[in-house]
Amino acid sequence: MNPIEETAKLTHFVFPNFSFLSLTDWPLPKLQEYLKDDTLALIGYGSQGHGQGLNARDNGINVIVGVREGGESWKQAQEDGWVSLASLFVSEADISERTWTNRKFSSVSLGSRKDPLPH
């Protein structure tokens, strides 16, 4: 058994109703189609938000970023091509029309979606 299978077996033992999704379950074209009308909102633009935001955007997912205006993260986001009031916002209130929210503060991240991904 390889390490991924071992982890899956252990996870299933601890969380019996947990199911794994893999790249074969959600190839990029299927994911893009599923998320075509949705927007991923990243709150924070540190190392995780930066990397995940650019990755999602580069893969055709609609992404907006919420950070403190004028801070280092704001400047970095602008350098990375996020545009104020188009894809870069100051507060959660400004991004209220999002479908996904992914908060990126330090090492703590909390993700939520209005409805779960189908299997």
PDB file of N, CA and C in Angstrom:
ATOM      1  N   MET A   1       0.852  -1.182   0.000  1.00  0.00           N
ATOM      2  CA  MET A   1       0.000   0.000   0.000  1.00  0.00           C
ATOM      3  C   MET A   1       0.897   1.245   0.000  1.00  0.00           C
ATOM      4  N   ASN A   2       0.604   2.204  -0.899  1.00  0.00           N
ATOM      5  CA  ASN A   2       1.418   3.420  -0.964  1.00  0.00           C
ATOM      6  C   ASN A   2       0.964   4.416   0.109  1.00  0.00           C
ATOM      7  N   PRO A   3       1.759   5.467   0.362  1.00  0.00           N
ATOM      8  CA  PRO A   3       1.429   6.424   1.435  1.00  0.00           C
ATOM      9  C   PRO A   3       0.060   7.091   1.263  1.00  0.00           C
ATOM     10  N   ILE A   4      -0.345   7.359   0.031  1.00  0.00           N
ATOM     11  CA  ILE A   4      -1.654   7.985  -0.180  1.00  0.00           C
ATOM     12  C   ILE A   4      -2.763   7.017   0.202  1.00  0.00           C
ATOM     13  N   GLU A   5      -2.623   5.758  -0.189  1.00  0.00           N
ATOM     14  CA  GLU A   5      -3.624   4.748   0.177  1.00  0.00           C
ATOM     15  C   GLU A   5      -3.661   4.542   1.686  1.00  0.00           C
ATOM     16  N   GLU A   6      -2.496   4.562   2.341  1.00  0.00           N
ATOM     17  CA  GLU A   6      -2.445   4.419   3.792  1.00  0.00           C
ATOM     18  C   GLU A   6      -3.164   5.573   4.485  1.00  0.00           C
ATOM     19  N   THR A   7      -2.919   6.790   3.995  1.00  0.00           N
ATOM     20  CA  THR A   7      -3.585   7.969   4.561  1.00  0.00           C
ATOM     21  C   THR A   7      -5.092   7.881   4.348  1.00  0.00           C
ATOM     22  N   ALA A   8      -5.505   7.478   3.159  1.00  0.00           N
ATOM     23  CA  ALA A   8      -6.934   7.343   2.870  1.00  0.00           C
ATOM     24  C   ALA A   8      -7.568   6.308   3.784  1.00  0.00           C
ATOM     25  N   LYS A   9      -6.899   5.186   4.004  1.00  0.00           N
ATOM     26  CA  LYS A   9      -7.431   4.134   4.868  1.00  0.00           C
ATOM     27  C   LYS A   9      -7.562   4.637   6.300  1.00  0.00           C
ATOM     28  N   LEU A  10      -6.553   5.325   6.804  1.00  0.00           N
ATOM     29  CA  LEU A  10      -6.594   5.863   8.157  1.00  0.00           C
ATOM     30  C   LEU A  10      -7.690   6.921   8.280  1.00  0.00           C
ATOM     31  N   THR A  11      -7.781   7.811   7.304  1.00  0.00           N
ATOM     32  CA  THR A  11      -8.802   8.854   7.334  1.00  0.00           C
ATOM     33  C   THR A  11     -10.185   8.236   7.327  1.00  0.00           C
ATOM     34  N   HIS A  12     -10.388   7.208   6.513  1.00  0.00           N
ATOM     35  CA  HIS A  12     -11.691   6.545   6.461  1.00  0.00           C
ATOM     36  C   HIS A  12     -12.015   5.884   7.804  1.00  0.00           C
ATOM     37  N   PHE A  13     -11.007   5.345   8.488  1.00  0.00           N
ATOM     38  CA  PHE A  13     -11.223   4.745   9.807  1.00  0.00           C
ATOM     39  C   PHE A  13     -11.668   5.797  10.818  1.00  0.00           C
ATOM     40  N   VAL A  14     -11.022   6.948  10.815  1.00  0.00           N
ATOM     41  CA  VAL A  14     -11.333   8.017  11.767  1.00  0.00           C
ATOM     42  C   VAL A  14     -12.624   8.736  11.382  1.00  0.00           C
ATOM     43  N   PHE A  15     -12.822   8.976  10.093  1.00  0.00           N
ATOM     44  CA  PHE A  15     -14.008   9.672   9.579  1.00  0.00           C
ATOM     45  C   PHE A  15     -14.680   8.769   8.532  1.00  0.00           C
ATOM     46  N   PRO A  16     -15.515   7.826   8.948  1.00  0.00           N
ATOM     47  CA  PRO A  16     -16.049   6.830   8.010  1.00  0.00           C
ATOM     48  C   PRO A  16     -16.886   7.418   6.869  1.00  0.00           C
ATOM     49  N   ASN A  17     -17.462   8.594   7.046  1.00  0.00           N
ATOM     50  CA  ASN A  17     -18.292   9.185   5.991  1.00  0.00           C
ATOM     51  C   ASN A  17     -17.508  10.138   5.088  1.00  0.00           C
ATOM     52  N   PHE A  18     -16.206  10.231   5.305  1.00  0.00           N
ATOM     53  CA  PHE A  18     -15.360  11.119   4.517  1.00  0.00           C
ATOM     54  C   PHE A  18     -15.090  10.482   3.157  1.00  0.00           C
ATOM     55  N   SER A  19     -15.205  11.262   2.088  1.00  0.00           N
ATOM     56  CA  SER A  19     -14.867  10.731   0.773  1.00  0.00           C
ATOM     57  C   SER A  19     -13.786  11.608   0.143  1.00  0.00           C
ATOM     58  N   PHE A  20     -12.891  10.985  -0.564  1.00  0.00           N
ATOM     59  CA  PHE A  20     -11.784  11.674  -1.210  1.00  0.00           C
ATOM     60  C   PHE A  20     -12.157  12.057  -2.628  1.00  0.00           C
ATOM     61  N   LEU A  21     -11.738  13.228  -3.041  1.00  0.00           N
ATOM     62  CA  LEU A  21     -11.843  13.642  -4.433  1.00  0.00           C
ATOM     63  C   LEU A  21     -10.428  13.792  -4.962  1.00  0.00           C
ATOM     64  N   SER A  22     -10.221  13.391  -6.191  1.00  0.00           N
ATOM     65  CA  SER A  22      -8.891  13.502  -6.772  1.00  0.00           C
ATOM     66  C   SER A  22      -8.965  14.268  -8.086  1.00  0.00           C
ATOM     67  N   LEU A  23      -7.809  14.502  -8.675  1.00  0.00           N
ATOM     68  CA  LEU A  23      -7.755  15.197  -9.960  1.00  0.00           C
ATOM     69  C   LEU A  23      -8.525  14.443 -11.039  1.00  0.00           C
ATOM     70  N   THR A  24      -8.585  13.111 -10.922  1.00  0.00           N
ATOM     71  CA  THR A  24      -9.337  12.350 -11.921  1.00  0.00           C
ATOM     72  C   THR A  24     -10.841  12.556 -11.746  1.00  0.00           C
ATOM     73  N   ASP A  25     -11.284  12.865 -10.521  1.00  0.00           N
ATOM     74  CA  ASP A  25     -12.699  13.161 -10.279  1.00  0.00           C
ATOM     75  C   ASP A  25     -13.072  14.542 -10.805  1.00  0.00           C
ATOM     76  N   TRP A  26     -12.124  15.481 -10.713  1.00  0.00           N
ATOM     77  CA  TRP A  26     -12.375  16.874 -11.092  1.00  0.00           C
ATOM     78  C   TRP A  26     -11.264  17.396 -11.997  1.00  0.00           C
ATOM     79  N   PRO A  27     -11.205  16.931 -13.258  1.00  0.00           N
ATOM     80  CA  PRO A  27     -10.219  17.507 -14.178  1.00  0.00           C
ATOM     81  C   PRO A  27     -10.539  18.983 -14.397  1.00  0.00           C
ATOM     82  N   LEU A  28      -9.541  19.757 -14.802  1.00  0.00           N
ATOM     83  CA  LEU A  28      -9.690  21.206 -14.906  1.00  0.00           C
ATOM     84  C   LEU A  28     -10.908  21.648 -15.731  1.00  0.00           C
ATOM     85  N   PRO A  29     -11.171  21.081 -16.911  1.00  0.00           N
ATOM     86  CA  PRO A  29     -12.348  21.541 -17.665  1.00  0.00           C
ATOM     87  C   PRO A  29     -13.666  21.332 -16.898  1.00  0.00           C
ATOM     88  N   LYS A  30     -13.780  20.219 -16.173  1.00  0.00           N
ATOM     89  CA  LYS A  30     -14.991  19.962 -15.383  1.00  0.00           C
ATOM     90  C   LYS A  30     -15.108  20.972 -14.243  1.00  0.00           C
ATOM     91  N   LEU A  31     -13.989  21.257 -13.582  1.00  0.00           N
ATOM     92  CA  LEU A  31     -13.983  22.228 -12.491  1.00  0.00           C
ATOM     93  C   LEU A  31     -14.324  23.622 -13.000  1.00  0.00           C
ATOM     94  N   GLN A  32     -13.743  24.006 -14.138  1.00  0.00           N
ATOM     95  CA  GLN A  32     -14.037  25.322 -14.715  1.00  0.00           C
ATOM     96  C   GLN A  32     -15.524  25.440 -15.068  1.00  0.00           C
ATOM     97  N   GLU A  33     -16.098  24.395 -15.626  1.00  0.00           N
ATOM     98  CA  GLU A  33     -17.520  24.408 -15.972  1.00  0.00           C
ATOM     99  C   GLU A  33     -18.376  24.514 -14.712  1.00  0.00           C
ATOM    100  N   TYR A  34     -18.018  23.762 -13.686  1.00  0.00           N
ATOM    101  CA  TYR A  34     -18.784  23.777 -12.435  1.00  0.00           C
ATOM    102  C   TYR A  34     -18.731  25.154 -11.764  1.00  0.00           C
ATOM    103  N   LEU A  35     -17.592  25.820 -11.835  1.00  0.00           N
ATOM    104  CA  LEU A  35     -17.410  27.108 -11.156  1.00  0.00           C
ATOM    105  C   LEU A  35     -17.595  28.325 -12.069  1.00  0.00           C
ATOM    106  N   LYS A  36     -18.065  28.136 -13.286  1.00  0.00           N
ATOM    107  CA  LYS A  36     -18.103  29.230 -14.258  1.00  0.00           C
ATOM    108  C   LYS A  36     -18.934  30.426 -13.807  1.00  0.00           C
ATOM    109  N   ASP A  37     -19.963  30.221 -12.999  1.00  0.00           N
ATOM    110  CA  ASP A  37     -20.812  31.318 -12.530  1.00  0.00           C
ATOM    111  C   ASP A  37     -20.489  31.732 -11.100  1.00  0.00           C
ATOM    112  N   ASP A  38     -19.449  31.159 -10.538  1.00  0.00           N
ATOM    113  CA  ASP A  38     -19.074  31.414  -9.144  1.00  0.00           C
ATOM    114  C   ASP A  38     -17.851  32.318  -9.054  1.00  0.00           C
ATOM    115  N   THR A  39     -17.651  32.881  -7.871  1.00  0.00           N
ATOM    116  CA  THR A  39     -16.476  33.700  -7.602  1.00  0.00           C
ATOM    117  C   THR A  39     -15.847  33.245  -6.294  1.00  0.00           C
ATOM    118  N   LEU A  40     -14.557  33.010  -6.309  1.00  0.00           N
ATOM    119  CA  LEU A  40     -13.789  32.682  -5.115  1.00  0.00           C
ATOM    120  C   LEU A  40     -13.289  33.986  -4.526  1.00  0.00           C
ATOM    121  N   ALA A  41     -13.637  34.261  -3.281  1.00  0.00           N
ATOM    122  CA  ALA A  41     -13.162  35.479  -2.613  1.00  0.00           C
ATOM    123  C   ALA A  41     -12.105  35.094  -1.597  1.00  0.00           C
ATOM    124  N   LEU A  42     -10.915  35.634  -1.746  1.00  0.00           N
ATOM    125  CA  LEU A  42      -9.833  35.410  -0.791  1.00  0.00           C
ATOM    126  C   LEU A  42      -9.769  36.611   0.138  1.00  0.00           C
ATOM    127  N   ILE A  43      -9.857  36.357   1.427  1.00  0.00           N
ATOM    128  CA  ILE A  43      -9.727  37.417   2.419  1.00  0.00           C
ATOM    129  C   ILE A  43      -8.322  37.272   2.997  1.00  0.00           C
ATOM    130  N   GLY A  44      -7.447  38.152   2.596  1.00  0.00           N
ATOM    131  CA  GLY A  44      -6.038  38.063   2.982  1.00  0.00           C
ATOM    132  C   GLY A  44      -5.207  37.627   1.791  1.00  0.00           C
ATOM    133  N   TYR A  45      -3.975  38.125   1.726  1.00  0.00           N
ATOM    134  CA  TYR A  45      -3.113  37.842   0.581  1.00  0.00           C
ATOM    135  C   TYR A  45      -1.684  37.590   1.040  1.00  0.00           C
ATOM    136  N   GLY A  46      -1.564  36.727   2.048  1.00  0.00           N
ATOM    137  CA  GLY A  46      -0.240  36.310   2.496  1.00  0.00           C
ATOM    138  C   GLY A  46       0.261  35.189   1.602  1.00  0.00           C
ATOM    139  N   SER A  47       1.118  34.337   2.119  1.00  0.00           N
ATOM    140  CA  SER A  47       1.710  33.283   1.283  1.00  0.00           C
ATOM    141  C   SER A  47       0.659  32.322   0.744  1.00  0.00           C
ATOM    142  N   GLN A  48      -0.330  31.949   1.558  1.00  0.00           N
ATOM    143  CA  GLN A  48      -1.354  31.010   1.092  1.00  0.00           C
ATOM    144  C   GLN A  48      -2.323  31.669   0.121  1.00  0.00           C
ATOM    145  N   GLY A  49      -2.866  32.815   0.485  1.00  0.00           N
ATOM    146  CA  GLY A  49      -3.806  33.512  -0.381  1.00  0.00           C
ATOM    147  C   GLY A  49      -3.173  33.901  -1.706  1.00  0.00           C
ATOM    148  N   HIS A  50      -1.931  34.334  -1.632  1.00  0.00           N
ATOM    149  CA  HIS A  50      -1.167  34.721  -2.828  1.00  0.00           C
ATOM    150  C   HIS A  50      -1.059  33.541  -3.789  1.00  0.00           C
ATOM    151  N   GLY A  51      -0.548  32.433  -3.294  1.00  0.00           N
ATOM    152  CA  GLY A  51      -0.348  31.256  -4.141  1.00  0.00           C
ATOM    153  C   GLY A  51      -1.650  30.663  -4.643  1.00  0.00           C
ATOM    154  N   GLN A  52      -2.628  30.517  -3.753  1.00  0.00           N
ATOM    155  CA  GLN A  52      -3.895  29.913  -4.154  1.00  0.00           C
ATOM    156  C   GLN A  52      -4.683  30.831  -5.090  1.00  0.00           C
ATOM    157  N   GLY A  53      -4.626  32.128  -4.838  1.00  0.00           N
ATOM    158  CA  GLY A  53      -5.335  33.075  -5.691  1.00  0.00           C
ATOM    159  C   GLY A  53      -4.787  33.089  -7.104  1.00  0.00           C
ATOM    160  N   LEU A  54      -3.465  33.162  -7.228  1.00  0.00           N
ATOM    161  CA  LEU A  54      -2.852  33.162  -8.555  1.00  0.00           C
ATOM    162  C   LEU A  54      -3.104  31.840  -9.272  1.00  0.00           C
ATOM    163  N   ASN A  55      -3.023  30.731  -8.554  1.00  0.00           N
ATOM    164  CA  ASN A  55      -3.258  29.423  -9.145  1.00  0.00           C
ATOM    165  C   ASN A  55      -4.688  29.332  -9.678  1.00  0.00           C
ATOM    166  N   ALA A  56      -5.667  29.722  -8.862  1.00  0.00           N
ATOM    167  CA  ALA A  56      -7.066  29.656  -9.292  1.00  0.00           C
ATOM    168  C   ALA A  56      -7.302  30.587 -10.482  1.00  0.00           C
ATOM    169  N   ARG A  57      -6.802  31.818 -10.394  1.00  0.00           N
ATOM    170  CA  ARG A  57      -6.981  32.783 -11.485  1.00  0.00           C
ATOM    171  C   ARG A  57      -6.330  32.273 -12.773  1.00  0.00           C
ATOM    172  N   ASP A  58      -5.113  31.746 -12.661  1.00  0.00           N
ATOM    173  CA  ASP A  58      -4.407  31.242 -13.837  1.00  0.00           C
ATOM    174  C   ASP A  58      -5.103  30.028 -14.459  1.00  0.00           C
ATOM    175  N   ASN A  59      -5.939  29.358 -13.669  1.00  0.00           N
ATOM    176  CA  ASN A  59      -6.671  28.195 -14.167  1.00  0.00           C
ATOM    177  C   ASN A  59      -8.104  28.530 -14.554  1.00  0.00           C
ATOM    178  N   GLY A  60      -8.386  29.824 -14.714  1.00  0.00           N
ATOM    179  CA  GLY A  60      -9.670  30.232 -15.251  1.00  0.00           C
ATOM    180  C   GLY A  60     -10.800  30.366 -14.259  1.00  0.00           C
ATOM    181  N   ILE A  61     -10.501  30.377 -12.969  1.00  0.00           N
ATOM    182  CA  ILE A  61     -11.525  30.545 -11.936  1.00  0.00           C
ATOM    183  C   ILE A  61     -11.665  32.043 -11.649  1.00  0.00           C
ATOM    184  N   ASN A  62     -12.898  32.519 -11.473  1.00  0.00           N
ATOM    185  CA  ASN A  62     -13.126  33.923 -11.113  1.00  0.00           C
ATOM    186  C   ASN A  62     -12.687  34.128  -9.666  1.00  0.00           C
ATOM    187  N   VAL A  63     -11.757  35.043  -9.444  1.00  0.00           N
ATOM    188  CA  VAL A  63     -11.195  35.273  -8.116  1.00  0.00           C
ATOM    189  C   VAL A  63     -11.182  36.767  -7.812  1.00  0.00           C
ATOM    190  N   ILE A  64     -11.553  37.104  -6.580  1.00  0.00           N
ATOM    191  CA  ILE A  64     -11.365  38.462  -6.079  1.00  0.00           C
ATOM    192  C   ILE A  64     -10.644  38.378  -4.744  1.00  0.00           C
ATOM    193  N   VAL A  65      -9.955  39.457  -4.377  1.00  0.00           N
ATOM    194  CA  VAL A  65      -9.116  39.472  -3.181  1.00  0.00           C
ATOM    195  C   VAL A  65      -9.537  40.626  -2.279  1.00  0.00           C
ATOM    196  N   GLY A  66      -9.660  40.363  -0.983  1.00  0.00           N
ATOM    197  CA  GLY A  66      -9.959  41.402  -0.006  1.00  0.00           C
ATOM    198  C   GLY A  66      -8.805  41.565   0.969  1.00  0.00           C
ATOM    199  N   VAL A  67      -8.216  42.760   1.002  1.00  0.00           N
ATOM    200  CA  VAL A  67      -7.090  43.050   1.897  1.00  0.00           C
ATOM    201  C   VAL A  67      -7.183  44.495   2.392  1.00  0.00           C
ATOM    202  N   ARG A  68      -6.349  44.821   3.366  1.00  0.00           N
ATOM    203  CA  ARG A  68      -6.298  46.186   3.902  1.00  0.00           C
ATOM    204  C   ARG A  68      -5.631  47.105   2.869  1.00  0.00           C
ATOM    205  N   GLU A  69      -6.318  48.163   2.496  1.00  0.00           N
ATOM    206  CA  GLU A  69      -5.797  49.080   1.484  1.00  0.00           C
ATOM    207  C   GLU A  69      -4.512  49.747   1.969  1.00  0.00           C
ATOM    208  N   GLY A  70      -3.530  49.778   1.089  1.00  0.00           N
ATOM    209  CA  GLY A  70      -2.265  50.443   1.391  1.00  0.00           C
ATOM    210  C   GLY A  70      -1.241  49.585   2.094  1.00  0.00           C
ATOM    211  N   GLY A  71      -1.640  48.420   2.585  1.00  0.00           N
ATOM    212  CA  GLY A  71      -0.698  47.538   3.279  1.00  0.00           C
ATOM    213  C   GLY A  71       0.195  46.792   2.300  1.00  0.00           C
ATOM    214  N   GLU A  72       1.116  46.015   2.842  1.00  0.00           N
ATOM    215  CA  GLU A  72       2.041  45.250   1.998  1.00  0.00           C
ATOM    216  C   GLU A  72       1.295  44.264   1.103  1.00  0.00           C
ATOM    217  N   SER A  73       0.255  43.626   1.652  1.00  0.00           N
ATOM    218  CA  SER A  73      -0.514  42.671   0.846  1.00  0.00           C
ATOM    219  C   SER A  73      -1.229  43.367  -0.306  1.00  0.00           C
ATOM    220  N   TRP A  74      -1.737  44.567  -0.057  1.00  0.00           N
ATOM    221  CA  TRP A  74      -2.397  45.349  -1.107  1.00  0.00           C
ATOM    222  C   TRP A  74      -1.410  45.638  -2.243  1.00  0.00           C
ATOM    223  N   LYS A  75      -0.219  46.077  -1.852  1.00  0.00           N
ATOM    224  CA  LYS A  75       0.805  46.392  -2.860  1.00  0.00           C
ATOM    225  C   LYS A  75       1.203  45.146  -3.643  1.00  0.00           C
ATOM    226  N   GLN A  76       1.369  44.020  -2.948  1.00  0.00           N
ATOM    227  CA  GLN A  76       1.741  42.771  -3.609  1.00  0.00           C
ATOM    228  C   GLN A  76       0.632  42.321  -4.565  1.00  0.00           C
ATOM    229  N   ALA A  77      -0.609  42.440  -4.121  1.00  0.00           N
ATOM    230  CA  ALA A  77      -1.736  42.049  -4.969  1.00  0.00           C
ATOM    231  C   ALA A  77      -1.777  42.888  -6.244  1.00  0.00           C
ATOM    232  N   GLN A  78      -1.550  44.191  -6.110  1.00  0.00           N
ATOM    233  CA  GLN A  78      -1.529  45.053  -7.297  1.00  0.00           C
ATOM    234  C   GLN A  78      -0.385  44.670  -8.234  1.00  0.00           C
ATOM    235  N   GLU A  79       0.781  44.367  -7.677  1.00  0.00           N
ATOM    236  CA  GLU A  79       1.913  43.938  -8.504  1.00  0.00           C
ATOM    237  C   GLU A  79       1.600  42.641  -9.238  1.00  0.00           C
ATOM    238  N   ASP A  80       0.747  41.809  -8.634  1.00  0.00           N
ATOM    239  CA  ASP A  80       0.375  40.532  -9.248  1.00  0.00           C
ATOM    240  C   ASP A  80      -0.786  40.666 -10.225  1.00  0.00           C
ATOM    241  N   GLY A  81      -1.258  41.887 -10.429  1.00  0.00           N
ATOM    242  CA  GLY A  81      -2.273  42.107 -11.443  1.00  0.00           C
ATOM    243  C   GLY A  81      -3.701  42.229 -10.955  1.00  0.00           C
ATOM    244  N   TRP A  82      -3.921  42.206  -9.643  1.00  0.00           N
ATOM    245  CA  TRP A  82      -5.273  42.405  -9.120  1.00  0.00           C
ATOM    246  C   TRP A  82      -5.568  43.905  -9.208  1.00  0.00           C
ATOM    247  N   VAL A  83      -6.771  44.250  -9.632  1.00  0.00           N
ATOM    248  CA  VAL A  83      -7.126  45.646  -9.910  1.00  0.00           C
ATOM    249  C   VAL A  83      -8.145  46.144  -8.893  1.00  0.00           C
ATOM    250  N   SER A  84      -7.849  47.317  -8.293  1.00  0.00           N
ATOM    251  CA  SER A  84      -8.733  47.910  -7.283  1.00  0.00           C
ATOM    252  C   SER A  84     -10.146  48.077  -7.835  1.00  0.00           C
ATOM    253  N   LEU A  85     -11.112  47.641  -7.044  1.00  0.00           N
ATOM    254  CA  LEU A  85     -12.550  47.700  -7.333  1.00  0.00           C
ATOM    255  C   LEU A  85     -12.993  46.824  -8.505  1.00  0.00           C
ATOM    256  N   ALA A  86     -12.083  46.054  -9.084  1.00  0.00           N
ATOM    257  CA  ALA A  86     -12.451  45.077 -10.110  1.00  0.00           C
ATOM    258  C   ALA A  86     -12.213  43.666  -9.573  1.00  0.00           C
ATOM    259  N   SER A  87     -11.016  43.439  -9.025  1.00  0.00           N
ATOM    260  CA  SER A  87     -10.695  42.140  -8.435  1.00  0.00           C
ATOM    261  C   SER A  87      -9.992  42.287  -7.088  1.00  0.00           C
ATOM    262  N   LEU A  88      -9.809  43.521  -6.634  1.00  0.00           N
ATOM    263  CA  LEU A  88      -9.128  43.805  -5.369  1.00  0.00           C
ATOM    264  C   LEU A  88      -9.999  44.744  -4.548  1.00  0.00           C
ATOM    265  N   PHE A  89     -10.358  44.299  -3.338  1.00  0.00           N
ATOM    266  CA  PHE A  89     -11.297  45.052  -2.515  1.00  0.00           C
ATOM    267  C   PHE A  89     -10.760  45.230  -1.104  1.00  0.00           C
ATOM    268  N   VAL A  90     -11.367  46.183  -0.380  1.00  0.00           N
ATOM    269  CA  VAL A  90     -10.876  46.545   0.939  1.00  0.00           C
ATOM    270  C   VAL A  90     -11.488  45.696   2.045  1.00  0.00           C
ATOM    271  N   SER A  91     -12.756  45.320   1.950  1.00  0.00           N
ATOM    272  CA  SER A  91     -13.385  44.611   3.062  1.00  0.00           C
ATOM    273  C   SER A  91     -14.320  43.523   2.567  1.00  0.00           C
ATOM    274  N   GLU A  92     -14.747  42.659   3.502  1.00  0.00           N
ATOM    275  CA  GLU A  92     -15.695  41.606   3.159  1.00  0.00           C
ATOM    276  C   GLU A  92     -16.998  42.182   2.635  1.00  0.00           C
ATOM    277  N   ALA A  93     -17.406  43.351   3.125  1.00  0.00           N
ATOM    278  CA  ALA A  93     -18.650  43.966   2.652  1.00  0.00           C
ATOM    279  C   ALA A  93     -18.569  44.263   1.162  1.00  0.00           C
ATOM    280  N   ASP A  94     -17.394  44.602   0.684  1.00  0.00           N
ATOM    281  CA  ASP A  94     -17.207  44.910  -0.738  1.00  0.00           C
ATOM    282  C   ASP A  94     -17.317  43.676  -1.628  1.00  0.00           C
ATOM    283  N   ILE A  95     -17.164  42.501  -1.038  1.00  0.00           N
ATOM    284  CA  ILE A  95     -17.169  41.283  -1.846  1.00  0.00           C
ATOM    285  C   ILE A  95     -18.339  40.378  -1.477  1.00  0.00           C
ATOM    286  N   SER A  96     -19.462  40.988  -1.131  1.00  0.00           N
ATOM    287  CA  SER A  96     -20.618  40.232  -0.632  1.00  0.00           C
ATOM    288  C   SER A  96     -21.265  39.334  -1.674  1.00  0.00           C
ATOM    289  N   GLU A  97     -20.993  39.519  -2.947  1.00  0.00           N
ATOM    290  CA  GLU A  97     -21.625  38.705  -3.978  1.00  0.00           C
ATOM    291  C   GLU A  97     -20.834  37.447  -4.312  1.00  0.00           C
ATOM    292  N   ARG A  98     -19.869  37.092  -3.512  1.00  0.00           N
ATOM    293  CA  ARG A  98     -19.051  35.929  -3.803  1.00  0.00           C
ATOM    294  C   ARG A  98     -19.819  34.640  -3.512  1.00  0.00           C
ATOM    295  N   THR A  99     -19.368  33.560  -4.102  1.00  0.00           N
ATOM    296  CA  THR A  99     -19.932  32.244  -3.847  1.00  0.00           C
ATOM    297  C   THR A  99     -19.071  31.507  -2.829  1.00  0.00           C
ATOM    298  N   TRP A 100     -17.769  31.615  -2.990  1.00  0.00           N
ATOM    299  CA  TRP A 100     -16.814  30.961  -2.094  1.00  0.00           C
ATOM    300  C   TRP A 100     -16.112  32.029  -1.280  1.00  0.00           C
ATOM    301  N   THR A 101     -15.816  31.720  -0.031  1.00  0.00           N
ATOM    302  CA  THR A 101     -14.965  32.593   0.763  1.00  0.00           C
ATOM    303  C   THR A 101     -13.844  31.744   1.338  1.00  0.00           C
ATOM    304  N   ASN A 102     -12.637  32.206   1.198  1.00  0.00           N
ATOM    305  CA  ASN A 102     -11.484  31.514   1.739  1.00  0.00           C
ATOM    306  C   ASN A 102     -10.667  32.546   2.496  1.00  0.00           C
ATOM    307  N   ARG A 103     -10.731  32.499   3.825  1.00  0.00           N
ATOM    308  CA  ARG A 103     -10.034  33.488   4.648  1.00  0.00           C
ATOM    309  C   ARG A 103      -8.607  33.028   4.893  1.00  0.00           C
ATOM    310  N   LYS A 104      -7.673  33.904   4.635  1.00  0.00           N
ATOM    311  CA  LYS A 104      -6.256  33.572   4.774  1.00  0.00           C
ATOM    312  C   LYS A 104      -5.595  34.537   5.754  1.00  0.00           C
ATOM    313  N   PHE A 105      -5.604  34.187   7.025  1.00  0.00           N
ATOM    314  CA  PHE A 105      -4.948  34.990   8.045  1.00  0.00           C
ATOM    315  C   PHE A 105      -3.875  34.136   8.689  1.00  0.00           C
ATOM    316  N   SER A 106      -2.648  34.521   8.567  1.00  0.00           N
ATOM    317  CA  SER A 106      -1.506  33.764   9.084  1.00  0.00           C
ATOM    318  C   SER A 106      -1.586  32.330   8.590  1.00  0.00           C
ATOM    319  N   SER A 107      -1.494  31.378   9.512  1.00  0.00           N
ATOM    320  CA  SER A 107      -1.562  29.972   9.125  1.00  0.00           C
ATOM    321  C   SER A 107      -2.967  29.413   9.259  1.00  0.00           C
ATOM    322  N   VAL A 108      -3.902  30.230   9.669  1.00  0.00           N
ATOM    323  CA  VAL A 108      -5.261  29.757   9.900  1.00  0.00           C
ATOM    324  C   VAL A 108      -6.105  30.068   8.667  1.00  0.00           C
ATOM    325  N   SER A 109      -6.780  29.063   8.131  1.00  0.00           N
ATOM    326  CA  SER A 109      -7.686  29.318   7.009  1.00  0.00           C
ATOM    327  C   SER A 109      -9.016  28.647   7.277  1.00  0.00           C
ATOM    328  N   LEU A 110     -10.074  29.358   6.992  1.00  0.00           N
ATOM    329  CA  LEU A 110     -11.413  28.817   7.131  1.00  0.00           C
ATOM    330  C   LEU A 110     -12.092  28.960   5.786  1.00  0.00           C
ATOM    331  N   GLY A 111     -12.536  27.880   5.228  1.00  0.00           N
ATOM    332  CA  GLY A 111     -13.209  27.929   3.939  1.00  0.00           C
ATOM    333  C   GLY A 111     -14.675  27.586   4.089  1.00  0.00           C
ATOM    334  N   SER A 112     -15.500  28.159   3.261  1.00  0.00           N
ATOM    335  CA  SER A 112     -16.918  27.812   3.275  1.00  0.00           C
ATOM    336  C   SER A 112     -17.485  28.008   1.891  1.00  0.00           C
ATOM    337  N   ARG A 113     -18.573  27.323   1.612  1.00  0.00           N
ATOM    338  CA  ARG A 113     -19.271  27.487   0.352  1.00  0.00           C
ATOM    339  C   ARG A 113     -20.749  27.407   0.638  1.00  0.00           C
ATOM    340  N   LYS A 114     -21.565  28.087  -0.145  1.00  0.00           N
ATOM    341  CA  LYS A 114     -23.006  28.090   0.089  1.00  0.00           C
ATOM    342  C   LYS A 114     -23.604  26.698  -0.033  1.00  0.00           C
ATOM    343  N   ASP A 115     -23.091  25.884  -0.927  1.00  0.00           N
ATOM    344  CA  ASP A 115     -23.544  24.501  -1.047  1.00  0.00           C
ATOM    345  C   ASP A 115     -22.340  23.604  -1.301  1.00  0.00           C
ATOM    346  N   PRO A 116     -22.390  22.358  -0.832  1.00  0.00           N
ATOM    347  CA  PRO A 116     -21.216  21.495  -0.960  1.00  0.00           C
ATOM    348  C   PRO A 116     -21.006  21.035  -2.395  1.00  0.00           C
ATOM    349  N   LEU A 117     -19.760  20.665  -2.689  1.00  0.00           N
ATOM    350  CA  LEU A 117     -19.452  20.089  -4.000  1.00  0.00           C
ATOM    351  C   LEU A 117     -20.178  18.775  -4.154  1.00  0.00           C
ATOM    352  N   PRO A 118     -20.763  18.504  -5.327  1.00  0.00           N
ATOM    353  CA  PRO A 118     -21.396  17.195  -5.539  1.00  0.00           C
ATOM    354  C   PRO A 118     -20.333  16.130  -5.737  1.00  0.00           C
ATOM    355  N   HIS A 119     -20.689  14.902  -5.451  1.00  0.00           N
ATOM    356  CA  HIS A 119     -19.742  13.784  -5.656  1.00  0.00           C
ATOM    357  C   HIS A 119     -19.917  13.232  -7.040  1.00  0.00           C
TER     358      HIS A 119
END
